[in-house]
Amino acid sequence: MAASTHSVTNQVPPLVGYDLFAADRALSEAVGRHVAPGLLDEVRAELSALGRAAGSAQVQEWGAQANENPPRLRTHDRYGRRIDEVDFHPAWHRLLGKGVSAGLTAAWARPAGQVRRAAAFLVWTQAEAGNCCPLSMTHAAVPALRADPALAAEWEPRLTSMVYDRGLRPAAQKAGALFGMAMTEKQGGSDVRAGTTRARPLAEDGTYELRGHKWFCSAPMSDGFLVLAQAPGGLTCFLVPRVLADGTRNVFLVQRLKDKLGNRSNASAEVEFDGTWARRVGEEGRGVSVIIEMVAATRLDCALGSAGLMRQAVAQAVHHCAYREAFGGPLAGRPLMRNVLADLALESEAATVLALRLAAARDDDGEQERALLRIAVPVAKYWVTKRCAPVVVEAAECLGGNGYVEESGLPRLVRESPLNSVWEGAGNVQALDVLRALRREPRAFDAFLREVGLARGADHRLDAAVKDLLTELADLDGIEARARRVVERMALVLQGALLVRYAPPEVADVFCASRLGGDHGTALGTLPHTLDLAALVERARPVV
């Protein structure tokens, strides 16, 4: 009898079986701008293949399985020998293998590598964000290793390989390798110069023995790690292989895995070094300048990852509201819900356009672009990652109670949404890094102003915002306490300039009116109602 009272109506079909790349207009248009015409068809076909995989029921199921079955640490084997291995669910290996084969670690070896890889990273984050951590670390290790040409020649082909070769073996015997990173310690956190891990030189030139600990080690199952330690000449960067060339395990003692709020599928560990063999990367005392190359790449990935999370949350919200009937029609057609969805879509598009522009700057690698990256990466990392959590939470609310239920997938996005703001230097670290660039590297701010200046005269609200920013920067008294305010304004001005140049007029108009012109409330969904909000919602809607 119960079944006769339970007719299921007015429920939204799952958002599955579609191309995440092609359905994202802001992303596909950005790729079209930043990839040379002769390569564009190849890149679009590659990204659409990944987009279809990410939107498939199979990959979505892998993502759920990997998060429901987090990694497990095995410190010893059955005989009591120390092994320090991390076991993952098979779904994790499938996801990671797909990410490697899609080129998410191969940017440095491919034409237009940074843009095509950035777009793929944004797409693949939407499938499952946890596996993107080792993909990011491996990608980012390459520019740091280039401080030592011999090490780069040895390791770069392995790191840029599109073959996922799992298992702990000497790296020389593997078709592809992954990298992790270990910088922070219990007493120091972001203050890496406070590290107490020591490096003692060995007889062979460039080799050392490490003793100490690391409070956060990313991707502890990797083949190699970049580690900071105190050498006789000061803080230095080292390469720590997981398995030595003779096949023996390096001393790499995994004390425990972190029990994190989100990012459950991915392993983050506390590790101890006790006579651990390491190879120096760069000169003694230059550890921060070497590893900062890795950090710059991972910070851009934080912005890309947050853009991906926002895009998936917005896609889910718009999809739900397009199908859900309430108060006599689709939810998306109600004026107030339309305002919320348009605000969410605007935030998502602005994040995507900014992140892809910076990826294109990495492909260019000219002096002007390098100077722009120096200041714009921490600006983007600060602002885009800060916007992620409120956007994802508001998108979940669009689904009502359904968005609070695990089966919807939104709770996983909510748990993941603060992560990129915390990792690779939290908000204050990014804001202070921008101030450091403003004070010490005037070319960086000049490059920023030139980039923004390309949109000069196109919108009076943007022009006024640039003038206000310059006034803010003219007063250096107490600027550290105002650092977040300054960086927020820089981010909004840069996003506004990019949208004015590249986005449809209705998108740029709403952004300039709300973010730069002040016609906006404190909460999302408070856009000026007189503008064309329906166009923003339709543009953000994924077509299945």
Protein backbone atom coordinates (compact mmCIF):
# COMPACT_ATOMS: atom_id res chain seq x y z
CA MET A 1 0.00 0.00 0.00
CA ALA A 2 2.83 2.41 0.78
CA ALA A 3 4.00 2.43 -2.84
CA SER A 4 0.66 3.77 -4.04
CA THR A 5 1.09 6.90 -1.94
CA HIS A 6 4.61 7.60 -3.17
CA SER A 7 4.54 9.08 -6.65
CA VAL A 8 7.79 10.85 -7.50
CA THR A 9 7.17 14.09 -9.36
CA ASN A 10 8.90 17.43 -9.81
CA GLN A 11 12.35 15.97 -9.20
CA VAL A 12 15.33 17.17 -11.19
CA PRO A 13 17.20 14.74 -13.50
CA PRO A 14 20.85 14.21 -12.51
CA LEU A 15 23.41 16.42 -14.19
CA VAL A 16 25.28 13.60 -15.91
CA GLY A 17 26.31 12.49 -19.38
CA TYR A 18 27.52 15.85 -20.71
CA ASP A 19 30.73 17.59 -21.75
CA LEU A 20 31.92 19.77 -18.86
CA PHE A 21 34.28 21.69 -21.12
CA ALA A 22 31.95 22.45 -24.02
CA ALA A 23 29.11 23.30 -21.63
CA ASP A 24 31.26 25.96 -19.93
CA ARG A 25 31.07 28.95 -22.26
CA ALA A 26 33.45 31.13 -20.27
CA LEU A 27 36.11 28.42 -20.26
CA SER A 28 35.78 27.38 -23.89
CA GLU A 29 35.91 31.02 -25.00
CA ALA A 30 39.04 31.62 -22.90
CA VAL A 31 40.75 28.64 -24.52
CA GLY A 32 39.80 30.06 -27.92
CA ARG A 33 41.45 33.37 -27.03
CA HIS A 34 44.70 32.00 -25.66
CA VAL A 35 45.48 29.08 -28.00
CA ALA A 36 46.92 29.67 -31.46
CA PRO A 37 44.42 28.99 -34.29
CA GLY A 38 46.50 26.21 -35.80
CA LEU A 39 46.41 24.27 -32.54
CA LEU A 40 42.91 25.14 -31.40
CA ASP A 41 40.97 22.25 -32.92
CA GLU A 42 43.36 19.73 -31.37
CA VAL A 43 43.15 21.37 -27.95
CA ARG A 44 39.36 21.67 -28.03
CA ALA A 45 38.98 18.01 -29.04
CA GLU A 46 41.30 16.96 -26.22
CA LEU A 47 39.45 19.06 -23.63
CA SER A 48 36.05 17.88 -24.82
CA ALA A 49 37.17 14.26 -24.44
CA LEU A 50 38.19 15.01 -20.87
CA GLY A 51 34.99 17.01 -20.34
CA ARG A 52 32.85 14.06 -21.44
CA ALA A 53 34.78 11.75 -19.14
CA ALA A 54 34.38 14.15 -16.19
CA GLY A 55 30.64 14.45 -16.88
CA SER A 56 30.09 10.71 -17.21
CA ALA A 57 28.24 8.59 -14.67
CA GLN A 58 31.29 6.33 -14.35
CA VAL A 59 33.72 9.08 -13.34
CA GLN A 60 31.18 10.66 -11.02
CA GLU A 61 30.87 7.30 -9.30
CA TRP A 62 34.66 7.04 -9.00
CA GLY A 63 34.70 10.44 -7.31
CA ALA A 64 32.09 9.36 -4.79
CA GLN A 65 33.90 6.07 -4.10
CA ALA A 66 37.28 7.74 -3.61
CA ASN A 67 35.80 10.11 -1.02
CA GLU A 68 33.77 7.46 0.77
CA ASN A 69 36.88 5.27 1.07
CA PRO A 70 39.74 7.55 2.15
CA PRO A 71 43.38 6.39 2.09
CA ARG A 72 44.78 4.18 4.86
CA LEU A 73 48.29 4.25 6.29
CA ARG A 74 50.22 1.01 6.76
CA THR A 75 53.37 1.74 8.76
CA HIS A 76 54.59 -1.88 9.09
CA ASP A 77 54.26 -5.16 7.25
CA ARG A 78 53.15 -8.42 8.88
CA TYR A 79 56.71 -9.14 10.02
CA GLY A 80 57.16 -5.81 11.80
CA ARG A 81 59.29 -4.18 9.12
CA ARG A 82 58.67 -0.49 8.52
CA ILE A 83 57.07 0.09 5.09
CA ASP A 84 55.20 3.43 5.42
CA GLU A 85 52.79 2.82 2.57
CA VAL A 86 49.46 4.48 1.83
CA ASP A 87 46.67 2.34 0.41
CA PHE A 88 44.03 3.92 -1.83
CA HIS A 89 40.69 2.73 -3.13
CA PRO A 90 40.86 1.56 -6.78
CA ALA A 91 38.71 4.55 -7.79
CA TRP A 92 41.50 6.88 -6.69
CA HIS A 93 43.97 5.19 -9.02
CA ARG A 94 41.50 5.35 -11.89
CA LEU A 95 41.00 9.08 -11.37
CA LEU A 96 44.69 9.82 -10.97
CA GLY A 97 45.58 7.69 -13.97
CA LYS A 98 43.04 9.54 -16.10
CA GLY A 99 44.41 12.89 -14.94
CA VAL A 100 47.98 11.94 -15.84
CA SER A 101 46.99 10.53 -19.24
CA ALA A 102 45.04 13.73 -19.96
CA GLY A 103 48.23 15.77 -19.67
CA LEU A 104 47.69 17.37 -16.26
CA THR A 105 51.38 16.90 -15.46
CA ALA A 106 52.68 17.45 -19.01
CA ALA A 107 52.27 21.20 -19.52
CA TRP A 108 56.00 21.94 -19.73
CA ALA A 109 56.48 19.51 -22.63
CA ARG A 110 53.57 20.52 -24.90
CA PRO A 111 52.70 23.51 -27.13
CA ALA A 112 50.23 25.87 -25.43
CA GLY A 113 50.86 23.55 -22.51
CA GLN A 114 49.92 25.91 -19.70
CA VAL A 115 46.53 26.98 -21.10
CA ARG A 116 45.44 23.52 -22.22
CA ARG A 117 46.57 22.08 -18.90
CA ALA A 118 44.87 24.88 -16.89
CA ALA A 119 41.57 24.29 -18.69
CA ALA A 120 41.90 20.55 -18.11
CA PHE A 121 42.69 21.12 -14.43
CA LEU A 122 39.59 23.28 -14.06
CA VAL A 123 37.49 20.55 -15.71
CA TRP A 124 39.01 17.63 -13.81
CA THR A 125 38.63 19.38 -10.43
CA GLN A 126 34.89 19.14 -11.02
CA ALA A 127 35.13 15.37 -11.32
CA GLU A 128 37.04 14.94 -8.04
CA ALA A 129 39.27 17.55 -6.43
CA GLY A 130 41.43 15.35 -4.20
CA ASN A 131 43.38 13.64 -6.97
CA CYS A 132 44.30 17.06 -8.33
CA CYS A 133 46.75 17.58 -5.43
CA PRO A 134 49.44 15.14 -6.67
CA LEU A 135 48.76 16.30 -10.23
CA SER A 136 49.44 19.87 -9.11
CA MET A 137 52.55 19.01 -7.09
CA THR A 138 54.05 17.03 -9.96
CA HIS A 139 53.36 19.79 -12.47
CA ALA A 140 54.76 22.45 -10.16
CA ALA A 141 57.97 20.59 -9.29
CA VAL A 142 59.38 21.03 -12.81
CA PRO A 143 60.32 24.75 -12.65
CA ALA A 144 61.89 24.27 -9.22
CA LEU A 145 64.03 21.35 -10.40
CA ARG A 146 65.31 23.48 -13.26
CA ALA A 147 67.50 25.23 -10.69
CA ASP A 148 69.73 22.17 -11.15
CA PRO A 149 70.00 21.30 -14.87
CA ALA A 150 71.31 17.79 -14.17
CA LEU A 151 68.40 16.98 -11.87
CA ALA A 152 65.93 18.49 -14.31
CA ALA A 153 67.32 16.40 -17.16
CA GLU A 154 66.93 13.28 -15.05
CA TRP A 155 63.49 13.90 -13.56
CA GLU A 156 61.59 16.14 -15.96
CA PRO A 157 60.82 13.42 -18.53
CA ARG A 158 59.34 11.27 -15.75
CA LEU A 159 57.25 14.08 -14.29
CA THR A 160 55.88 15.21 -17.64
CA SER A 161 55.09 11.65 -18.74
CA MET A 162 51.46 10.91 -19.57
CA VAL A 163 51.76 7.41 -18.10
CA TYR A 164 50.55 6.71 -14.56
CA ASP A 165 52.96 4.12 -13.15
CA ARG A 166 51.89 3.36 -9.59
CA GLY A 167 53.92 1.51 -6.99
CA LEU A 168 57.11 2.22 -5.05
CA ARG A 169 60.13 1.41 -7.23
CA PRO A 170 63.27 3.29 -8.24
CA ALA A 171 62.16 6.19 -10.40
CA ALA A 172 64.56 5.20 -13.17
CA GLN A 173 62.55 1.99 -13.63
CA LYS A 174 59.19 3.75 -14.02
CA ALA A 175 57.41 5.08 -17.09
CA GLY A 176 56.17 8.08 -15.13
CA ALA A 177 56.64 9.59 -11.68
CA LEU A 178 54.74 11.80 -9.24
CA PHE A 179 56.10 14.45 -6.88
CA GLY A 180 55.05 15.79 -3.50
CA MET A 181 56.23 18.61 -1.28
CA ALA A 182 57.17 18.99 2.40
CA MET A 183 57.88 22.51 3.69
CA THR A 184 55.95 23.40 6.85
CA GLU A 185 56.79 22.26 10.36
CA LYS A 186 54.89 22.22 13.66
CA GLN A 187 56.56 25.31 15.08
CA GLY A 188 56.67 27.34 11.87
CA GLY A 189 53.68 26.82 9.60
CA SER A 190 53.92 29.35 6.79
CA ASP A 191 57.13 30.73 8.32
CA VAL A 192 59.29 28.14 6.58
CA ARG A 193 62.51 29.86 7.69
CA ALA A 194 61.68 28.70 11.23
CA GLY A 195 62.19 25.07 10.14
CA THR A 196 64.45 22.91 12.28
CA THR A 197 65.03 19.97 9.90
CA ARG A 198 68.80 19.65 9.44
CA ALA A 199 70.82 18.63 6.40
CA ARG A 200 74.32 17.18 6.90
CA PRO A 201 76.56 17.02 3.81
CA LEU A 202 77.71 13.55 2.75
CA ALA A 203 80.89 12.60 0.92
CA GLU A 204 79.32 12.66 -2.54
CA ASP A 205 78.99 16.22 -3.83
CA GLY A 206 75.45 17.55 -3.59
CA THR A 207 74.16 14.75 -1.34
CA TYR A 208 72.98 15.14 2.25
CA GLU A 209 71.43 13.33 5.18
CA LEU A 210 68.24 14.86 6.61
CA ARG A 211 66.98 14.70 10.19
CA GLY A 212 63.77 16.35 11.30
CA HIS A 213 60.03 16.43 10.69
CA LYS A 214 57.43 17.96 8.42
CA TRP A 215 53.98 18.84 9.72
CA PHE A 216 52.40 18.76 6.25
CA CYS A 217 53.66 16.53 3.48
CA SER A 218 51.51 16.58 0.37
CA ALA A 219 50.95 13.34 -1.56
CA PRO A 220 53.12 11.00 0.60
CA MET A 221 52.76 8.12 -1.87
CA SER A 222 54.79 10.02 -4.49
CA ASP A 223 58.12 9.02 -6.03
CA GLY A 224 59.96 12.12 -4.91
CA PHE A 225 59.57 15.23 -2.78
CA LEU A 226 60.89 18.75 -2.61
CA VAL A 227 61.87 19.44 0.99
CA LEU A 228 63.29 22.45 2.82
CA ALA A 229 66.00 21.90 5.45
CA GLN A 230 68.74 23.85 7.19
CA ALA A 231 72.11 23.15 5.57
CA PRO A 232 75.42 24.66 6.76
CA GLY A 233 74.87 27.51 4.29
CA GLY A 234 71.29 28.19 5.33
CA LEU A 235 67.81 27.10 4.32
CA THR A 236 68.13 24.89 1.25
CA CYS A 237 65.87 22.92 -1.09
CA PHE A 238 66.37 19.16 -1.45
CA LEU A 239 65.03 16.35 -3.59
CA VAL A 240 64.11 13.34 -1.46
CA PRO A 241 63.46 10.18 -3.50
CA ARG A 242 61.01 7.72 -1.97
CA VAL A 243 63.01 4.73 -3.22
CA LEU A 244 66.77 4.84 -3.72
CA ALA A 245 68.50 3.83 -6.94
CA ASP A 246 69.50 0.40 -5.51
CA GLY A 247 65.86 -0.42 -4.76
CA THR A 248 65.97 0.14 -1.00
CA ARG A 249 63.40 2.38 0.66
CA ASN A 250 64.62 5.79 1.72
CA VAL A 251 63.99 6.69 5.36
CA PHE A 252 60.60 8.32 5.05
CA LEU A 253 58.59 7.70 8.20
CA VAL A 254 54.89 8.48 7.79
CA GLN A 255 53.66 9.16 11.32
CA ARG A 256 49.99 9.67 10.48
CA LEU A 257 47.60 10.91 7.81
CA LYS A 258 45.72 14.13 8.45
CA ASP A 259 41.99 13.82 9.20
CA LYS A 260 40.81 16.73 7.05
CA LEU A 261 37.52 18.58 6.71
CA GLY A 262 37.40 17.89 2.98
CA ASN A 263 39.77 16.58 0.32
CA ARG A 264 39.07 13.19 1.88
CA SER A 265 40.28 11.08 -1.02
CA ASN A 266 43.77 12.61 -0.92
CA ALA A 267 46.49 11.75 1.61
CA SER A 268 48.26 14.51 3.53
CA ALA A 269 50.79 13.31 6.09
CA GLU A 270 53.13 14.10 8.93
CA VAL A 271 56.55 12.64 8.19
CA GLU A 272 59.88 12.19 9.96
CA PHE A 273 63.36 12.13 8.44
CA ASP A 274 66.05 10.21 10.32
CA GLY A 275 69.13 9.71 8.17
CA THR A 276 67.15 10.33 4.99
CA TRP A 277 69.19 10.58 1.78
CA ALA A 278 68.64 13.76 -0.22
CA ARG A 279 70.06 15.61 -3.21
CA ARG A 280 70.50 19.39 -3.09
CA VAL A 281 68.49 21.47 -5.57
CA GLY A 282 70.23 24.77 -6.28
CA GLU A 283 72.70 26.42 -3.95
CA GLU A 284 72.84 26.22 -0.17
CA GLY A 285 70.92 29.05 1.44
CA ARG A 286 68.73 29.57 -1.65
CA GLY A 287 65.96 27.18 -0.65
CA VAL A 288 63.11 29.66 -0.67
CA SER A 289 64.05 31.16 -4.05
CA VAL A 290 64.20 27.64 -5.54
CA ILE A 291 60.98 26.27 -4.12
CA ILE A 292 59.08 29.51 -4.74
CA GLU A 293 58.96 28.45 -8.39
CA MET A 294 56.95 25.43 -7.30
CA VAL A 295 54.81 27.51 -4.97
CA ALA A 296 53.94 30.01 -7.73
CA ALA A 297 52.64 27.18 -9.91
CA THR A 298 50.64 25.58 -7.11
CA ARG A 299 49.14 28.94 -6.16
CA LEU A 300 47.82 29.37 -9.67
CA ASP A 301 46.41 25.84 -9.38
CA CYS A 302 44.61 26.92 -6.21
CA ALA A 303 42.86 29.64 -8.20
CA LEU A 304 42.09 27.18 -11.00
CA GLY A 305 40.81 24.58 -8.56
CA SER A 306 38.54 27.08 -6.84
CA ALA A 307 37.27 28.25 -10.23
CA GLY A 308 36.47 24.63 -11.03
CA LEU A 309 34.62 24.08 -7.77
CA MET A 310 32.61 27.27 -8.32
CA ARG A 311 31.76 26.26 -11.86
CA GLN A 312 30.50 22.84 -10.82
CA ALA A 313 28.45 24.30 -7.96
CA VAL A 314 26.92 26.93 -10.26
CA ALA A 315 26.20 24.34 -12.95
CA GLN A 316 24.39 22.19 -10.41
CA ALA A 317 22.39 25.15 -9.08
CA VAL A 318 21.34 26.44 -12.51
CA HIS A 319 20.50 22.92 -13.71
CA HIS A 320 18.35 22.28 -10.64
CA CYS A 321 16.49 25.57 -10.90
CA ALA A 322 15.87 25.14 -14.61
CA TYR A 323 13.95 21.91 -13.97
CA ARG A 324 12.45 22.40 -10.52
CA GLU A 325 8.92 23.79 -10.55
CA ALA A 326 7.77 26.09 -7.74
CA PHE A 327 5.13 28.77 -7.37
CA GLY A 328 3.73 28.16 -10.83
CA GLY A 329 6.86 27.85 -12.95
CA PRO A 330 10.56 26.92 -13.09
CA LEU A 331 12.57 28.23 -10.16
CA ALA A 332 15.10 29.81 -12.54
CA GLY A 333 12.32 32.03 -13.91
CA ARG A 334 11.49 33.62 -10.55
CA PRO A 335 13.03 37.10 -10.33
CA LEU A 336 14.72 36.59 -6.96
CA MET A 337 16.17 33.19 -7.82
CA ARG A 338 17.32 34.57 -11.15
CA ASN A 339 19.21 37.27 -9.24
CA VAL A 340 20.94 34.65 -7.07
CA LEU A 341 21.87 32.46 -10.03
CA ALA A 342 23.15 35.41 -12.04
CA ASP A 343 25.33 36.55 -9.14
CA LEU A 344 26.77 33.05 -8.79
CA ALA A 345 27.39 32.80 -12.52
CA LEU A 346 29.12 36.18 -12.54
CA GLU A 347 31.53 35.13 -9.79
CA SER A 348 32.30 31.88 -11.57
CA GLU A 349 32.98 33.49 -14.94
CA ALA A 350 35.20 36.20 -13.46
CA ALA A 351 37.29 33.54 -11.71
CA THR A 352 37.64 31.45 -14.87
CA VAL A 353 38.64 34.37 -17.09
CA LEU A 354 41.28 35.55 -14.62
CA ALA A 355 42.80 32.11 -14.03
CA LEU A 356 43.06 31.32 -17.75
CA ARG A 357 44.62 34.71 -18.48
CA LEU A 358 47.39 33.93 -15.98
CA ALA A 359 47.92 30.48 -17.46
CA ALA A 360 48.38 32.16 -20.85
CA ALA A 361 51.00 34.43 -19.30
CA ARG A 362 52.95 31.31 -18.31
CA ASP A 363 52.88 30.10 -21.90
CA ASP A 364 54.18 33.45 -23.17
CA ASP A 365 57.05 33.69 -20.65
CA GLY A 366 58.10 37.15 -21.82
CA GLU A 367 59.45 39.74 -19.37
CA GLN A 368 56.14 41.63 -19.25
CA GLU A 369 54.17 38.44 -18.58
CA ARG A 370 56.58 37.25 -15.89
CA ALA A 371 56.25 40.60 -14.15
CA LEU A 372 52.45 40.36 -14.34
CA LEU A 373 52.49 36.85 -12.86
CA ARG A 374 54.64 38.00 -9.95
CA ILE A 375 51.85 40.19 -8.62
CA ALA A 376 48.71 38.81 -10.26
CA VAL A 377 49.14 35.21 -9.06
CA PRO A 378 48.97 36.07 -5.33
CA VAL A 379 46.16 38.54 -6.11
CA ALA A 380 44.18 35.82 -7.90
CA LYS A 381 45.04 33.17 -5.32
CA TYR A 382 43.82 35.45 -2.54
CA TRP A 383 40.57 36.57 -4.13
CA VAL A 384 39.37 33.61 -6.18
CA THR A 385 39.92 31.14 -3.35
CA LYS A 386 38.21 33.49 -0.88
CA ARG A 387 35.13 33.70 -3.10
CA CYS A 388 34.84 29.94 -3.50
CA ALA A 389 33.24 29.03 -0.16
CA PRO A 390 30.40 31.59 -0.22
CA VAL A 391 29.63 30.77 -3.85
CA VAL A 392 29.50 27.01 -3.24
CA VAL A 393 27.40 27.35 -0.07
CA GLU A 394 24.92 29.66 -1.82
CA ALA A 395 24.72 27.26 -4.77
CA ALA A 396 23.94 24.40 -2.41
CA GLU A 397 21.14 26.49 -0.90
CA CYS A 398 19.59 26.79 -4.37
CA LEU A 399 18.84 23.06 -4.11
CA GLY A 400 17.14 23.55 -0.76
CA GLY A 401 17.29 20.56 1.56
CA ASN A 402 18.42 18.40 -1.35
CA GLY A 403 21.66 20.36 -1.46
CA TYR A 404 22.40 19.38 2.14
CA VAL A 405 22.17 15.65 1.35
CA GLU A 406 25.33 13.77 0.38
CA GLU A 407 23.75 12.16 -2.67
CA SER A 408 23.47 15.56 -4.35
CA GLY A 409 27.27 15.95 -4.37
CA LEU A 410 27.04 19.50 -3.05
CA PRO A 411 28.22 18.69 0.50
CA ARG A 412 31.50 17.38 -0.93
CA LEU A 413 31.95 20.65 -2.80
CA VAL A 414 31.12 22.61 0.36
CA ARG A 415 33.75 20.73 2.37
CA GLU A 416 36.30 21.27 -0.39
CA SER A 417 35.54 24.96 -0.91
CA PRO A 418 37.75 26.51 1.86
CA LEU A 419 40.77 24.36 1.08
CA ASN A 420 42.50 26.34 -1.66
CA SER A 421 42.36 29.48 0.45
CA VAL A 422 44.26 27.72 3.24
CA TRP A 423 46.83 25.71 1.26
CA GLU A 424 49.94 27.18 -0.37
CA GLY A 425 49.79 30.23 1.87
CA ALA A 426 46.56 31.42 3.47
CA GLY A 427 44.91 34.77 2.82
CA ASN A 428 47.23 36.94 4.89
CA VAL A 429 50.31 35.33 3.35
CA GLN A 430 49.03 36.16 -0.14
CA ALA A 431 48.10 39.73 0.77
CA LEU A 432 51.51 40.37 2.31
CA ASP A 433 53.20 38.84 -0.73
CA VAL A 434 51.38 41.36 -2.92
CA LEU A 435 52.63 44.18 -0.69
CA ARG A 436 56.14 42.77 -0.98
CA ALA A 437 55.88 42.89 -4.77
CA LEU A 438 54.53 46.45 -4.67
CA ARG A 439 57.45 47.61 -2.53
CA ARG A 440 60.33 45.69 -4.07
CA GLU A 441 59.36 44.96 -7.67
CA PRO A 442 57.93 48.08 -9.35
CA ARG A 443 57.92 46.29 -12.72
CA ALA A 444 55.28 43.94 -11.37
CA PHE A 445 52.82 46.73 -10.58
CA ASP A 446 53.66 48.44 -13.87
CA ALA A 447 52.73 45.20 -15.65
CA PHE A 448 49.51 45.04 -13.67
CA LEU A 449 48.59 48.60 -14.64
CA ARG A 450 49.40 47.93 -18.28
CA GLU A 451 47.14 44.89 -18.28
CA VAL A 452 44.28 46.83 -16.69
CA GLY A 453 44.98 49.79 -18.97
CA LEU A 454 44.09 47.74 -22.03
CA ALA A 455 40.45 48.25 -21.01
CA ARG A 456 40.77 51.97 -20.28
CA GLY A 457 37.83 54.03 -21.49
CA ALA A 458 35.57 51.04 -22.07
CA ASP A 459 33.58 51.46 -18.84
CA HIS A 460 33.45 54.52 -16.60
CA ARG A 461 33.00 52.42 -13.46
CA LEU A 462 36.18 50.50 -14.21
CA ASP A 463 38.08 53.72 -14.86
CA ALA A 464 36.85 55.14 -11.55
CA ALA A 465 37.83 51.95 -9.70
CA VAL A 466 41.37 52.11 -11.10
CA LYS A 467 41.64 55.74 -9.96
CA ASP A 468 40.43 54.80 -6.47
CA LEU A 469 42.98 51.95 -6.32
CA LEU A 470 45.82 54.31 -7.17
CA THR A 471 44.63 56.70 -4.46
CA GLU A 472 44.58 53.80 -1.98
CA LEU A 473 48.13 52.85 -2.89
CA ALA A 474 49.37 56.43 -2.63
CA ASP A 475 48.79 56.30 1.12
CA LEU A 476 51.30 53.80 2.56
CA ASP A 477 50.55 54.55 6.22
CA GLY A 478 49.24 51.40 7.84
CA ILE A 479 49.11 49.61 4.52
CA GLU A 480 49.79 46.21 6.12
CA ALA A 481 46.53 46.46 8.05
CA ARG A 482 44.82 47.43 4.79
CA ALA A 483 46.48 44.69 2.73
CA ARG A 484 43.36 42.59 2.22
CA ARG A 485 41.37 45.63 1.16
CA VAL A 486 44.06 46.63 -1.35
CA VAL A 487 44.39 43.12 -2.82
CA GLU A 488 40.62 42.73 -3.09
CA ARG A 489 40.42 45.96 -5.07
CA MET A 490 43.28 44.87 -7.30
CA ALA A 491 41.53 41.57 -8.01
CA LEU A 492 38.22 43.22 -8.85
CA VAL A 493 39.85 45.77 -11.11
CA LEU A 494 41.77 43.05 -12.95
CA GLN A 495 38.70 40.85 -13.32
CA GLY A 496 36.66 43.83 -14.47
CA ALA A 497 39.23 44.78 -17.08
CA LEU A 498 39.34 41.23 -18.46
CA LEU A 499 35.55 40.94 -18.59
CA VAL A 500 35.18 44.31 -20.31
CA ARG A 501 37.64 43.14 -22.96
CA TYR A 502 36.48 39.56 -23.42
CA ALA A 503 33.03 38.78 -21.97
CA PRO A 504 29.64 39.51 -23.54
CA PRO A 505 28.50 43.09 -22.76
CA GLU A 506 25.74 41.93 -20.42
CA VAL A 507 28.30 40.07 -18.25
CA ALA A 508 30.74 42.97 -18.11
CA ASP A 509 27.93 45.46 -17.41
CA VAL A 510 26.64 43.54 -14.40
CA PHE A 511 30.15 43.01 -13.06
CA CYS A 512 31.11 46.67 -13.34
CA ALA A 513 27.80 47.84 -11.87
CA SER A 514 27.95 45.50 -8.88
CA ARG A 515 31.62 44.81 -8.10
CA LEU A 516 33.08 48.15 -9.17
CA GLY A 517 30.13 50.54 -9.09
CA GLY A 518 28.91 49.47 -5.66
CA ASP A 519 25.38 48.52 -6.76
CA HIS A 520 25.42 45.31 -4.78
CA GLY A 521 24.47 44.11 -1.31
CA THR A 522 26.50 42.07 1.16
CA ALA A 523 24.99 38.70 0.26
CA LEU A 524 24.91 37.01 -3.13
CA GLY A 525 21.67 37.59 -5.03
CA THR A 526 21.64 41.36 -4.58
CA LEU A 527 22.46 42.48 -8.12
CA PRO A 528 20.76 45.52 -9.67
CA HIS A 529 17.46 44.18 -10.98
CA THR A 530 17.33 46.51 -13.96
CA LEU A 531 20.16 44.72 -15.79
CA ASP A 532 19.94 41.65 -18.04
CA LEU A 533 20.31 38.92 -15.43
CA ALA A 534 18.49 36.27 -17.44
CA ALA A 535 21.29 36.31 -20.02
CA LEU A 536 23.86 35.50 -17.33
CA VAL A 537 21.81 32.57 -16.07
CA GLU A 538 21.27 31.15 -19.54
CA ARG A 539 24.98 31.51 -20.31
CA ALA A 540 25.88 29.52 -17.19
CA ARG A 541 23.39 26.72 -17.81
CA PRO A 542 25.01 23.39 -18.76
CA VAL A 543 23.28 21.81 -21.74
CA VAL A 544 23.01 18.05 -21.30
